Amino acid sequence: MRTLLVLIGIVALVFLAALLTGFIKFDQTQTAQLPRLEGGQAPKFDADVGKVTVGTENKTVAVPDIKVQKPGEQPR
C-alpha cells in the first residue's frame, strides 16, 4: 500500500513539473454551465504537449594514443 502511494506521489510530481516548465499546456476552449431544468455543458480543453525527438548521428572522434613506459624500460 505504501509503495502505491509513493508511486502516485512520484507521478503527480512529474506531472506538476511538466506543467510548471511549460512542457504541457492546457487551454480551456469552452466553459462549463450548470444544468438548470435540463442540459448543461461540460468544459472543453486543448492540451498542447511538447515533442521530444531522439536520433543518432555518426561522427569520427579523435582518441588520444597513450603509451605507458615502466621505470627501467628503454623508450621505443
PDB file of N, CA and C in Angstrom:
ATOM      1  N   MET A   1       0.818  -1.188   0.000  1.00  0.00           N
ATOM      2  CA  MET A   1       0.000   0.000   0.000  1.00  0.00           C
ATOM      3  C   MET A   1       0.867   1.261   0.000  1.00  0.00           C
ATOM      4  N   ARG A   2       1.920   1.218   0.792  1.00  0.00           N
ATOM      5  CA  ARG A   2       2.817   2.375   0.861  1.00  0.00           C
ATOM      6  C   ARG A   2       3.512   2.595  -0.480  1.00  0.00           C
ATOM      7  N   THR A   3       3.865   1.501  -1.155  1.00  0.00           N
ATOM      8  CA  THR A   3       4.530   1.608  -2.462  1.00  0.00           C
ATOM      9  C   THR A   3       3.609   2.266  -3.479  1.00  0.00           C
ATOM     10  N   LEU A   4       2.339   1.921  -3.434  1.00  0.00           N
ATOM     11  CA  LEU A   4       1.374   2.514  -4.362  1.00  0.00           C
ATOM     12  C   LEU A   4       1.240   4.020  -4.119  1.00  0.00           C
ATOM     13  N   LEU A   5       1.190   4.413  -2.861  1.00  0.00           N
ATOM     14  CA  LEU A   5       1.088   5.840  -2.555  1.00  0.00           C
ATOM     15  C   LEU A   5       2.343   6.598  -2.989  1.00  0.00           C
ATOM     16  N   VAL A   6       3.505   5.994  -2.813  1.00  0.00           N
ATOM     17  CA  VAL A   6       4.752   6.628  -3.251  1.00  0.00           C
ATOM     18  C   VAL A   6       4.760   6.759  -4.768  1.00  0.00           C
ATOM     19  N   LEU A   7       4.312   5.737  -5.471  1.00  0.00           N
ATOM     20  CA  LEU A   7       4.265   5.772  -6.938  1.00  0.00           C
ATOM     21  C   LEU A   7       3.305   6.852  -7.427  1.00  0.00           C
ATOM     22  N   ILE A   8       2.145   6.960  -6.805  1.00  0.00           N
ATOM     23  CA  ILE A   8       1.185   8.006  -7.190  1.00  0.00           C
ATOM     24  C   ILE A   8       1.770   9.389  -6.907  1.00  0.00           C
ATOM     25  N   GLY A   9       2.473   9.530  -5.795  1.00  0.00           N
ATOM     26  CA  GLY A   9       3.111  10.801  -5.473  1.00  0.00           C
ATOM     27  C   GLY A   9       4.173  11.189  -6.486  1.00  0.00           C
ATOM     28  N   ILE A  10       4.974  10.227  -6.922  1.00  0.00           N
ATOM     29  CA  ILE A  10       6.019  10.499  -7.914  1.00  0.00           C
ATOM     30  C   ILE A  10       5.396  10.908  -9.241  1.00  0.00           C
ATOM     31  N   VAL A  11       4.345  10.215  -9.661  1.00  0.00           N
ATOM     32  CA  VAL A  11       3.667  10.562 -10.913  1.00  0.00           C
ATOM     33  C   VAL A  11       3.076  11.973 -10.821  1.00  0.00           C
ATOM     34  N   ALA A  12       2.504  12.311  -9.680  1.00  0.00           N
ATOM     35  CA  ALA A  12       1.939  13.650  -9.505  1.00  0.00           C
ATOM     36  C   ALA A  12       3.031  14.716  -9.558  1.00  0.00           C
ATOM     37  N   LEU A  13       4.185  14.445  -8.965  1.00  0.00           N
ATOM     38  CA  LEU A  13       5.286  15.415  -9.010  1.00  0.00           C
ATOM     39  C   LEU A  13       5.824  15.596 -10.425  1.00  0.00           C
ATOM     40  N   VAL A  14       5.934  14.513 -11.182  1.00  0.00           N
ATOM     41  CA  VAL A  14       6.406  14.613 -12.572  1.00  0.00           C
ATOM     42  C   VAL A  14       5.409  15.410 -13.405  1.00  0.00           C
ATOM     43  N   PHE A  15       4.124  15.164 -13.209  1.00  0.00           N
ATOM     44  CA  PHE A  15       3.102  15.908 -13.945  1.00  0.00           C
ATOM     45  C   PHE A  15       3.138  17.388 -13.577  1.00  0.00           C
ATOM     46  N   LEU A  16       3.287  17.687 -12.307  1.00  0.00           N
ATOM     47  CA  LEU A  16       3.364  19.072 -11.860  1.00  0.00           C
ATOM     48  C   LEU A  16       4.608  19.767 -12.417  1.00  0.00           C
ATOM     49  N   ALA A  17       5.734  19.067 -12.450  1.00  0.00           N
ATOM     50  CA  ALA A  17       6.952  19.643 -13.015  1.00  0.00           C
ATOM     51  C   ALA A  17       6.775  19.914 -14.503  1.00  0.00           C
ATOM     52  N   ALA A  18       6.097  19.022 -15.217  1.00  0.00           N
ATOM     53  CA  ALA A  18       5.851  19.229 -16.649  1.00  0.00           C
ATOM     54  C   ALA A  18       4.957  20.445 -16.873  1.00  0.00           C
ATOM     55  N   LEU A  19       3.981  20.646 -16.009  1.00  0.00           N
ATOM     56  CA  LEU A  19       3.123  21.824 -16.130  1.00  0.00           C
ATOM     57  C   LEU A  19       3.892  23.110 -15.846  1.00  0.00           C
ATOM     58  N   LEU A  20       4.718  23.100 -14.800  1.00  0.00           N
ATOM     59  CA  LEU A  20       5.438  24.303 -14.412  1.00  0.00           C
ATOM     60  C   LEU A  20       6.521  24.698 -15.413  1.00  0.00           C
ATOM     61  N   THR A  21       7.129  23.735 -16.078  1.00  0.00           N
ATOM     62  CA  THR A  21       8.178  24.040 -17.043  1.00  0.00           C
ATOM     63  C   THR A  21       7.627  24.364 -18.426  1.00  0.00           C
ATOM     64  N   GLY A  22       6.331  24.214 -18.621  1.00  0.00           N
ATOM     65  CA  GLY A  22       5.731  24.534 -19.915  1.00  0.00           C
ATOM     66  C   GLY A  22       5.775  23.390 -20.907  1.00  0.00           C
ATOM     67  N   PHE A  23       6.147  22.196 -20.452  1.00  0.00           N
ATOM     68  CA  PHE A  23       6.178  21.042 -21.360  1.00  0.00           C
ATOM     69  C   PHE A  23       4.761  20.603 -21.715  1.00  0.00           C
ATOM     70  N   ILE A  24       3.829  20.810 -20.785  1.00  0.00           N
ATOM     71  CA  ILE A  24       2.414  20.528 -21.021  1.00  0.00           C
ATOM     72  C   ILE A  24       1.647  21.821 -20.757  1.00  0.00           C
ATOM     73  N   LYS A  25       0.732  22.152 -21.661  1.00  0.00           N
ATOM     74  CA  LYS A  25      -0.042  23.377 -21.501  1.00  0.00           C
ATOM     75  C   LYS A  25      -1.506  23.073 -21.813  1.00  0.00           C
ATOM     76  N   PHE A  26      -2.399  23.490 -20.917  1.00  0.00           N
ATOM     77  CA  PHE A  26      -3.824  23.294 -21.105  1.00  0.00           C
ATOM     78  C   PHE A  26      -4.493  24.638 -21.324  1.00  0.00           C
ATOM     79  N   ASP A  27      -5.367  24.712 -22.333  1.00  0.00           N
ATOM     80  CA  ASP A  27      -6.170  25.900 -22.594  1.00  0.00           C
ATOM     81  C   ASP A  27      -7.639  25.494 -22.578  1.00  0.00           C
ATOM     82  N   GLN A  28      -8.451  26.242 -21.847  1.00  0.00           N
ATOM     83  CA  GLN A  28      -9.879  25.954 -21.799  1.00  0.00           C
ATOM     84  C   GLN A  28     -10.536  26.617 -23.000  1.00  0.00           C
ATOM     85  N   THR A  29     -11.205  25.807 -23.839  1.00  0.00           N
ATOM     86  CA  THR A  29     -11.831  26.326 -25.050  1.00  0.00           C
ATOM     87  C   THR A  29     -13.327  26.528 -24.883  1.00  0.00           C
ATOM     88  N   GLN A  30     -13.935  25.886 -23.877  1.00  0.00           N
ATOM     89  CA  GLN A  30     -15.378  26.026 -23.667  1.00  0.00           C
ATOM     90  C   GLN A  30     -15.630  25.975 -22.164  1.00  0.00           C
ATOM     91  N   THR A  31     -16.391  26.933 -21.663  1.00  0.00           N
ATOM     92  CA  THR A  31     -16.657  26.987 -20.227  1.00  0.00           C
ATOM     93  C   THR A  31     -17.774  26.022 -19.855  1.00  0.00           C
ATOM     94  N   ALA A  32     -17.839  25.685 -18.586  1.00  0.00           N
ATOM     95  CA  ALA A  32     -18.877  24.792 -18.080  1.00  0.00           C
ATOM     96  C   ALA A  32     -20.116  25.596 -17.714  1.00  0.00           C
ATOM     97  N   GLN A  33     -21.281  24.982 -17.872  1.00  0.00           N
ATOM     98  CA  GLN A  33     -22.537  25.600 -17.459  1.00  0.00           C
ATOM     99  C   GLN A  33     -23.324  24.564 -16.666  1.00  0.00           C
ATOM    100  N   LEU A  34     -23.855  24.988 -15.533  1.00  0.00           N
ATOM    101  CA  LEU A  34     -24.646  24.088 -14.708  1.00  0.00           C
ATOM    102  C   LEU A  34     -26.000  23.833 -15.357  1.00  0.00           C
ATOM    103  N   PRO A  35     -26.518  22.646 -15.195  1.00  0.00           N
ATOM    104  CA  PRO A  35     -27.850  22.367 -15.746  1.00  0.00           C
ATOM    105  C   PRO A  35     -28.925  23.066 -14.921  1.00  0.00           C
ATOM    106  N   ARG A  36     -29.862  23.672 -15.579  1.00  0.00           N
ATOM    107  CA  ARG A  36     -30.985  24.305 -14.862  1.00  0.00           C
ATOM    108  C   ARG A  36     -32.143  23.307 -14.869  1.00  0.00           C
ATOM    109  N   LEU A  37     -32.951  23.314 -15.857  1.00  0.00           N
ATOM    110  CA  LEU A  37     -34.023  22.323 -15.944  1.00  0.00           C
ATOM    111  C   LEU A  37     -33.556  21.086 -16.697  1.00  0.00           C
ATOM    112  N   GLU A  38     -32.734  21.301 -17.674  1.00  0.00           N
ATOM    113  CA  GLU A  38     -32.166  20.175 -18.429  1.00  0.00           C
ATOM    114  C   GLU A  38     -30.873  20.647 -19.076  1.00  0.00           C
ATOM    115  N   GLY A  39     -30.131  19.715 -19.546  1.00  0.00           N
ATOM    116  CA  GLY A  39     -28.901  20.050 -20.261  1.00  0.00           C
ATOM    117  C   GLY A  39     -27.774  20.427 -19.325  1.00  0.00           C
ATOM    118  N   GLY A  40     -26.982  21.328 -19.766  1.00  0.00           N
ATOM    119  CA  GLY A  40     -25.760  21.710 -19.085  1.00  0.00           C
ATOM    120  C   GLY A  40     -24.613  21.527 -20.065  1.00  0.00           C
ATOM    121  N   GLN A  41     -23.450  21.882 -19.651  1.00  0.00           N
ATOM    122  CA  GLN A  41     -22.336  21.806 -20.591  1.00  0.00           C
ATOM    123  C   GLN A  41     -21.051  21.536 -19.811  1.00  0.00           C
ATOM    124  N   ALA A  42     -20.320  20.553 -20.264  1.00  0.00           N
ATOM    125  CA  ALA A  42     -19.037  20.241 -19.649  1.00  0.00           C
ATOM    126  C   ALA A  42     -17.960  21.127 -20.275  1.00  0.00           C
ATOM    127  N   PRO A  43     -16.930  21.460 -19.524  1.00  0.00           N
ATOM    128  CA  PRO A  43     -15.862  22.275 -20.117  1.00  0.00           C
ATOM    129  C   PRO A  43     -15.031  21.467 -21.107  1.00  0.00           C
ATOM    130  N   LYS A  44     -14.445  22.151 -22.073  1.00  0.00           N
ATOM    131  CA  LYS A  44     -13.559  21.506 -23.046  1.00  0.00           C
ATOM    132  C   LYS A  44     -12.178  22.139 -22.944  1.00  0.00           C
ATOM    133  N   PHE A  45     -11.163  21.324 -23.139  1.00  0.00           N
ATOM    134  CA  PHE A  45      -9.784  21.776 -23.028  1.00  0.00           C
ATOM    135  C   PHE A  45      -8.978  21.329 -24.229  1.00  0.00           C
ATOM    136  N   ASP A  46      -8.001  22.140 -24.622  1.00  0.00           N
ATOM    137  CA  ASP A  46      -6.996  21.757 -25.609  1.00  0.00           C
ATOM    138  C   ASP A  46      -5.698  21.521 -24.854  1.00  0.00           C
ATOM    139  N   ALA A  47      -5.047  20.424 -25.140  1.00  0.00           N
ATOM    140  CA  ALA A  47      -3.768  20.124 -24.495  1.00  0.00           C
ATOM    141  C   ALA A  47      -2.662  20.257 -25.531  1.00  0.00           C
ATOM    142  N   ASP A  48      -1.689  21.088 -25.234  1.00  0.00           N
ATOM    143  CA  ASP A  48      -0.530  21.272 -26.102  1.00  0.00           C
ATOM    144  C   ASP A  48       0.670  20.698 -25.358  1.00  0.00           C
ATOM    145  N   VAL A  49       1.203  19.604 -25.883  1.00  0.00           N
ATOM    146  CA  VAL A  49       2.316  18.938 -25.207  1.00  0.00           C
ATOM    147  C   VAL A  49       3.581  19.081 -26.035  1.00  0.00           C
ATOM    148  N   GLY A  50       4.711  19.080 -25.359  1.00  0.00           N
ATOM    149  CA  GLY A  50       6.000  19.187 -26.040  1.00  0.00           C
ATOM    150  C   GLY A  50       6.325  17.926 -26.820  1.00  0.00           C
ATOM    151  N   LYS A  51       7.277  18.053 -27.702  1.00  0.00           N
ATOM    152  CA  LYS A  51       7.672  16.925 -28.537  1.00  0.00           C
ATOM    153  C   LYS A  51       9.160  16.675 -28.334  1.00  0.00           C
ATOM    154  N   VAL A  52       9.500  15.430 -28.119  1.00  0.00           N
ATOM    155  CA  VAL A  52      10.888  15.036 -27.944  1.00  0.00           C
ATOM    156  C   VAL A  52      11.264  14.111 -29.092  1.00  0.00           C
ATOM    157  N   THR A  53      12.318  14.462 -29.802  1.00  0.00           N
ATOM    158  CA  THR A  53      12.795  13.596 -30.868  1.00  0.00           C
ATOM    159  C   THR A  53      14.182  13.090 -30.500  1.00  0.00           C
ATOM    160  N   VAL A  54      14.389  11.819 -30.764  1.00  0.00           N
ATOM    161  CA  VAL A  54      15.662  11.187 -30.461  1.00  0.00           C
ATOM    162  C   VAL A  54      16.201  10.605 -31.757  1.00  0.00           C
ATOM    163  N   GLY A  55      17.444  10.892 -32.038  1.00  0.00           N
ATOM    164  CA  GLY A  55      18.051  10.376 -33.253  1.00  0.00           C
ATOM    165  C   GLY A  55      19.507  10.021 -33.015  1.00  0.00           C
ATOM    166  N   THR A  56      20.117   9.486 -34.036  1.00  0.00           N
ATOM    167  CA  THR A  56      21.530   9.142 -33.949  1.00  0.00           C
ATOM    168  C   THR A  56      22.289   9.874 -35.041  1.00  0.00           C
ATOM    169  N   GLU A  57      23.566  10.044 -34.805  1.00  0.00           N
ATOM    170  CA  GLU A  57      24.413  10.733 -35.762  1.00  0.00           C
ATOM    171  C   GLU A  57      25.802  10.091 -35.695  1.00  0.00           C
ATOM    172  N   ASN A  58      26.356   9.751 -36.839  1.00  0.00           N
ATOM    173  CA  ASN A  58      27.691   9.158 -36.886  1.00  0.00           C
ATOM    174  C   ASN A  58      28.737  10.266 -36.964  1.00  0.00           C
ATOM    175  N   LYS A  59      29.722  10.190 -36.080  1.00  0.00           N
ATOM    176  CA  LYS A  59      30.804  11.160 -36.080  1.00  0.00           C
ATOM    177  C   LYS A  59      32.116  10.428 -35.869  1.00  0.00           C
ATOM    178  N   THR A  60      33.190  11.024 -36.367  1.00  0.00           N
ATOM    179  CA  THR A  60      34.519  10.500 -36.131  1.00  0.00           C
ATOM    180  C   THR A  60      35.163  11.334 -35.039  1.00  0.00           C
ATOM    181  N   VAL A  61      35.634  10.645 -34.006  1.00  0.00           N
ATOM    182  CA  VAL A  61      36.223  11.320 -32.860  1.00  0.00           C
ATOM    183  C   VAL A  61      37.675  10.870 -32.738  1.00  0.00           C
ATOM    184  N   ALA A  62      38.578  11.844 -32.610  1.00  0.00           N
ATOM    185  CA  ALA A  62      39.994  11.510 -32.433  1.00  0.00           C
ATOM    186  C   ALA A  62      40.217  11.093 -30.982  1.00  0.00           C
ATOM    187  N   VAL A  63      40.794   9.925 -30.811  1.00  0.00           N
ATOM    188  CA  VAL A  63      41.069   9.390 -29.481  1.00  0.00           C
ATOM    189  C   VAL A  63      42.572   9.454 -29.263  1.00  0.00           C
ATOM    190  N   PRO A  64      43.037   9.981 -28.132  1.00  0.00           N
ATOM    191  CA  PRO A  64      44.482  10.084 -27.909  1.00  0.00           C
ATOM    192  C   PRO A  64      45.119   8.697 -27.756  1.00  0.00           C
ATOM    193  N   ASP A  65      46.353   8.598 -28.238  1.00  0.00           N
ATOM    194  CA  ASP A  65      47.124   7.359 -28.133  1.00  0.00           C
ATOM    195  C   ASP A  65      47.964   7.455 -26.858  1.00  0.00           C
ATOM    196  N   ILE A  66      47.805   6.498 -25.974  1.00  0.00           N
ATOM    197  CA  ILE A  66      48.508   6.524 -24.697  1.00  0.00           C
ATOM    198  C   ILE A  66      49.525   5.397 -24.672  1.00  0.00           C
ATOM    199  N   LYS A  67      50.761   5.752 -24.333  1.00  0.00           N
ATOM    200  CA  LYS A  67      51.824   4.755 -24.187  1.00  0.00           C
ATOM    201  C   LYS A  67      52.334   4.823 -22.758  1.00  0.00           C
ATOM    202  N   VAL A  68      52.447   3.670 -22.140  1.00  0.00           N
ATOM    203  CA  VAL A  68      52.918   3.590 -20.758  1.00  0.00           C
ATOM    204  C   VAL A  68      54.334   3.043 -20.764  1.00  0.00           C
ATOM    205  N   GLN A  69      55.215   3.758 -20.099  1.00  0.00           N
ATOM    206  CA  GLN A  69      56.606   3.323 -20.004  1.00  0.00           C
ATOM    207  C   GLN A  69      56.905   3.047 -18.537  1.00  0.00           C
ATOM    208  N   LYS A  70      57.226   1.790 -18.252  1.00  0.00           N
ATOM    209  CA  LYS A  70      57.555   1.415 -16.887  1.00  0.00           C
ATOM    210  C   LYS A  70      58.971   1.876 -16.555  1.00  0.00           C
ATOM    211  N   PRO A  71      59.237   2.120 -15.283  1.00  0.00           N
ATOM    212  CA  PRO A  71      60.581   2.536 -14.918  1.00  0.00           C
ATOM    213  C   PRO A  71      61.605   1.458 -15.289  1.00  0.00           C
ATOM    214  N   GLY A  72      62.711   1.873 -15.838  1.00  0.00           N
ATOM    215  CA  GLY A  72      63.775   0.952 -16.221  1.00  0.00           C
ATOM    216  C   GLY A  72      63.670   0.471 -17.647  1.00  0.00           C
ATOM    217  N   GLU A  73      62.584   0.753 -18.377  1.00  0.00           N
ATOM    218  CA  GLU A  73      62.454   0.336 -19.784  1.00  0.00           C
ATOM    219  C   GLU A  73      63.014   1.428 -20.679  1.00  0.00           C
ATOM    220  N   GLN A  74      63.499   1.016 -21.796  1.00  0.00           N
ATOM    221  CA  GLN A  74      64.010   1.954 -22.794  1.00  0.00           C
ATOM    222  C   GLN A  74      62.844   2.452 -23.642  1.00  0.00           C
ATOM    223  N   PRO A  75      62.806   3.745 -23.975  1.00  0.00           N
ATOM    224  CA  PRO A  75      61.729   4.249 -24.850  1.00  0.00           C
ATOM    225  C   PRO A  75      61.802   3.618 -26.223  1.00  0.00           C
ATOM    226  N   ARG A  76      60.683   3.399 -26.824  1.00  0.00           N
ATOM    227  CA  ARG A  76      60.602   2.767 -28.157  1.00  0.00           C
ATOM    228  C   ARG A  76      60.571   3.781 -29.233  1.00  0.00           C
TER     229      ARG A  76
END
